[in-house]
Amino acid sequence: MNGKIRDVEEVRLVGENIEVGVYSLSRAREIAREQELDLVEISPKAVPPVCKVIDYKKFLYEQKKREKALKSKATKVTVKEIRFGPNTDEHDYEFKKKHAIKFLKDGAKLKAFVFFKGRSIVFKEQGQILLLKLAQELEEYGKVEQMPKLEGKRMIMFIAPKKGK
């Protein structure tokens, strides 16, 4: 901006209250000075480079404001975990299913996994059946993003909340 713009003879000038056109660099700086604004290089790779006459501090402020607005609109996805064992009994399963329903209703993603301790890895089928049963029972609250997949000693499944809830 201003005096830091070098290595060019002419610039294309744009901005409010300015006749758009190609000016010499010294004339462009003069125009900016007359309006008590800054000469800011917008696209240096263009031929000739494009410069805009604006209040630089105000420009930065507006830019920060826009970024903040975009950031606030971005949805924050929370992931809740529910852990089962391969031989989880019915009461524990129902208790954890209730929590899963609550998480999905609150709009959080659900990561359900079966953790195999020691030699319990031989019950892989039971773990998969447990997760598929959970997916089937949570069908009205969310949809399965990733089917049960064995990763090391864990079998993991992801369920995303339905948008309508």
Protein backbone atom coordinates (compact mmCIF):
# COMPACT_ATOMS: atom_id res chain seq x y z
CA MET A 1 0.00 0.00 0.00
CA ASN A 2 0.97 3.64 -0.53
CA GLY A 3 4.78 3.99 -0.69
CA LYS A 4 5.38 0.23 -0.65
CA ILE A 5 4.05 -0.19 -4.19
CA ARG A 6 7.13 -0.35 -6.42
CA ASP A 7 8.48 -1.88 -9.63
CA VAL A 8 5.60 -0.53 -11.75
CA GLU A 9 5.19 2.56 -13.89
CA GLU A 10 1.39 2.48 -14.29
CA VAL A 11 -1.52 1.11 -12.28
CA ARG A 12 -5.19 0.56 -13.01
CA LEU A 13 -7.07 2.63 -10.45
CA VAL A 14 -10.49 1.70 -9.02
CA GLY A 15 -12.51 2.90 -6.06
CA GLU A 16 -15.37 5.17 -5.07
CA ASN A 17 -15.42 8.78 -6.39
CA ILE A 18 -12.65 7.91 -8.86
CA GLU A 19 -12.64 7.72 -12.61
CA VAL A 20 -11.55 4.16 -13.34
CA GLY A 21 -8.54 4.04 -15.62
CA VAL A 22 -4.81 3.55 -16.02
CA TYR A 23 -2.70 6.18 -14.23
CA SER A 24 0.98 6.65 -13.51
CA LEU A 25 1.95 5.46 -10.03
CA SER A 26 2.80 8.99 -8.84
CA ARG A 27 -0.56 10.34 -10.10
CA ALA A 28 -2.42 7.47 -8.38
CA ARG A 29 -0.67 8.25 -5.06
CA GLU A 30 -1.52 11.92 -5.52
CA ILE A 31 -5.24 11.12 -6.08
CA ALA A 32 -5.27 8.98 -2.92
CA ARG A 33 -3.54 11.74 -0.93
CA GLU A 34 -6.08 14.35 -2.15
CA GLN A 35 -8.93 12.22 -0.84
CA GLU A 36 -7.02 11.47 2.40
CA LEU A 37 -7.23 7.74 1.71
CA ASP A 38 -4.75 4.93 1.07
CA LEU A 39 -3.65 3.45 -2.26
CA VAL A 40 -3.88 -0.34 -1.82
CA GLU A 41 -2.63 -2.86 -4.37
CA ILE A 42 -5.39 -5.42 -4.89
CA SER A 43 -4.11 -7.68 -7.67
CA PRO A 44 -0.38 -7.27 -8.21
CA LYS A 45 -0.19 -9.97 -10.91
CA ALA A 46 -2.52 -8.12 -13.32
CA VAL A 47 -1.06 -6.04 -16.14
CA PRO A 48 -1.09 -3.21 -15.16
CA PRO A 49 -1.51 -3.98 -11.40
CA VAL A 50 -4.90 -3.03 -9.95
CA CYS A 51 -4.92 -0.55 -7.07
CA LYS A 52 -7.88 0.73 -5.08
CA VAL A 53 -8.27 3.99 -3.22
CA ILE A 54 -9.77 3.13 0.19
CA ASP A 55 -9.36 3.75 3.91
CA TYR A 56 -7.08 0.81 4.77
CA LYS A 57 -8.00 0.64 8.48
CA LYS A 58 -11.69 0.59 7.62
CA PHE A 59 -11.01 -2.09 4.98
CA LEU A 60 -9.26 -4.32 7.56
CA TYR A 61 -12.08 -3.76 10.04
CA GLU A 62 -14.72 -4.76 7.46
CA GLN A 63 -12.69 -7.82 6.49
CA LYS A 64 -12.42 -8.97 10.12
CA LYS A 65 -16.15 -8.40 10.57
CA ARG A 66 -16.93 -10.56 7.50
CA GLU A 67 -14.62 -13.35 8.69
CA LYS A 68 -16.22 -13.29 12.14
CA ALA A 69 -19.71 -13.51 10.61
CA LEU A 70 -18.67 -16.49 8.47
CA LYS A 71 -17.09 -18.18 11.48
CA SER A 72 -20.24 -17.76 13.57
CA LYS A 73 -22.36 -19.30 10.80
CA ALA A 74 -20.13 -22.37 10.60
CA THR A 75 -21.73 -25.23 12.50
CA LYS A 76 -19.73 -26.84 15.23
CA VAL A 77 -20.11 -30.61 15.10
CA THR A 78 -19.72 -32.39 18.40
CA VAL A 79 -18.97 -36.10 18.47
CA LYS A 80 -20.27 -38.11 21.41
CA GLU A 81 -18.90 -41.57 22.13
CA ILE A 82 -20.69 -44.62 23.46
CA ARG A 83 -18.61 -47.63 24.39
CA PHE A 84 -19.83 -51.19 24.53
CA GLY A 85 -18.17 -54.46 25.39
CA PRO A 86 -18.73 -57.48 23.13
CA ASN A 87 -20.91 -59.09 25.82
CA THR A 88 -22.88 -56.02 26.97
CA ASP A 89 -26.07 -57.21 28.65
CA GLU A 90 -29.56 -56.00 27.74
CA HIS A 91 -30.05 -53.46 30.55
CA ASP A 92 -26.71 -51.72 29.89
CA TYR A 93 -27.47 -51.74 26.16
CA GLU A 94 -30.87 -50.05 26.69
CA PHE A 95 -29.32 -47.49 29.06
CA LYS A 96 -26.63 -46.57 26.52
CA LYS A 97 -29.18 -46.53 23.69
CA LYS A 98 -31.21 -43.92 25.61
CA HIS A 99 -28.10 -41.74 25.83
CA ALA A 100 -27.44 -42.25 22.12
CA ILE A 101 -30.98 -41.09 21.29
CA LYS A 102 -30.49 -38.00 23.48
CA PHE A 103 -27.16 -37.17 21.75
CA LEU A 104 -28.68 -37.52 18.28
CA LYS A 105 -31.69 -35.39 19.24
CA ASP A 106 -29.28 -32.69 20.47
CA GLY A 107 -27.66 -32.70 17.01
CA ALA A 108 -24.37 -34.38 17.93
CA LYS A 109 -22.71 -37.10 15.87
CA LEU A 110 -22.46 -40.46 17.57
CA LYS A 111 -19.41 -42.67 17.61
CA ALA A 112 -20.48 -46.07 18.90
CA PHE A 113 -17.76 -48.62 19.43
CA VAL A 114 -17.21 -52.05 20.87
CA PHE A 115 -13.93 -52.38 22.73
CA PHE A 116 -12.37 -55.83 22.73
CA LYS A 117 -10.19 -56.48 25.80
CA GLY A 118 -7.63 -59.23 25.80
CA ARG A 119 -8.92 -62.39 24.12
CA SER A 120 -12.46 -61.06 23.70
CA ILE A 121 -11.48 -60.28 20.10
CA VAL A 122 -12.86 -63.74 19.27
CA PHE A 123 -16.35 -62.23 19.73
CA LYS A 124 -16.02 -59.95 16.66
CA GLU A 125 -19.35 -61.16 15.26
CA GLN A 126 -21.15 -60.37 18.52
CA GLY A 127 -19.70 -56.85 18.47
CA GLN A 128 -20.82 -56.30 14.88
CA ILE A 129 -24.31 -57.65 15.62
CA LEU A 130 -24.53 -55.29 18.64
CA LEU A 131 -23.60 -52.22 16.55
CA LEU A 132 -25.94 -53.16 13.69
CA LYS A 133 -28.78 -53.67 16.16
CA LEU A 134 -28.07 -50.21 17.60
CA ALA A 135 -28.03 -48.69 14.10
CA GLN A 136 -31.37 -50.30 13.31
CA GLU A 137 -32.98 -49.07 16.53
CA LEU A 138 -31.66 -45.51 16.04
CA GLU A 139 -32.85 -45.34 12.42
CA GLU A 140 -35.53 -42.72 13.13
CA TYR A 141 -33.04 -40.43 14.94
CA GLY A 142 -30.00 -40.65 12.68
CA LYS A 143 -28.42 -42.35 9.71
CA VAL A 144 -25.29 -44.49 9.63
CA GLU A 145 -22.31 -42.64 8.18
CA GLN A 146 -19.87 -45.49 8.52
CA MET A 147 -20.77 -49.14 8.94
CA PRO A 148 -19.05 -51.10 11.74
CA LYS A 149 -15.35 -51.40 10.95
CA LEU A 150 -12.67 -53.11 13.00
CA GLU A 151 -9.68 -50.89 13.82
CA GLY A 152 -7.24 -52.59 16.12
CA LYS A 153 -9.12 -53.62 19.26
CA ARG A 154 -12.15 -51.45 18.50
CA MET A 155 -15.07 -51.89 16.14
CA ILE A 156 -16.29 -48.40 15.30
CA MET A 157 -19.50 -47.09 13.74
CA PHE A 158 -20.54 -43.46 13.13
CA ILE A 159 -24.14 -42.22 13.16
CA ALA A 160 -25.07 -38.68 12.08
CA PRO A 161 -28.25 -36.98 13.33
CA LYS A 162 -31.17 -36.55 10.95
CA LYS A 163 -31.66 -32.94 9.85
CA GLY A 164 -35.40 -32.84 10.56
CA LYS A 165 -34.97 -33.30 14.29
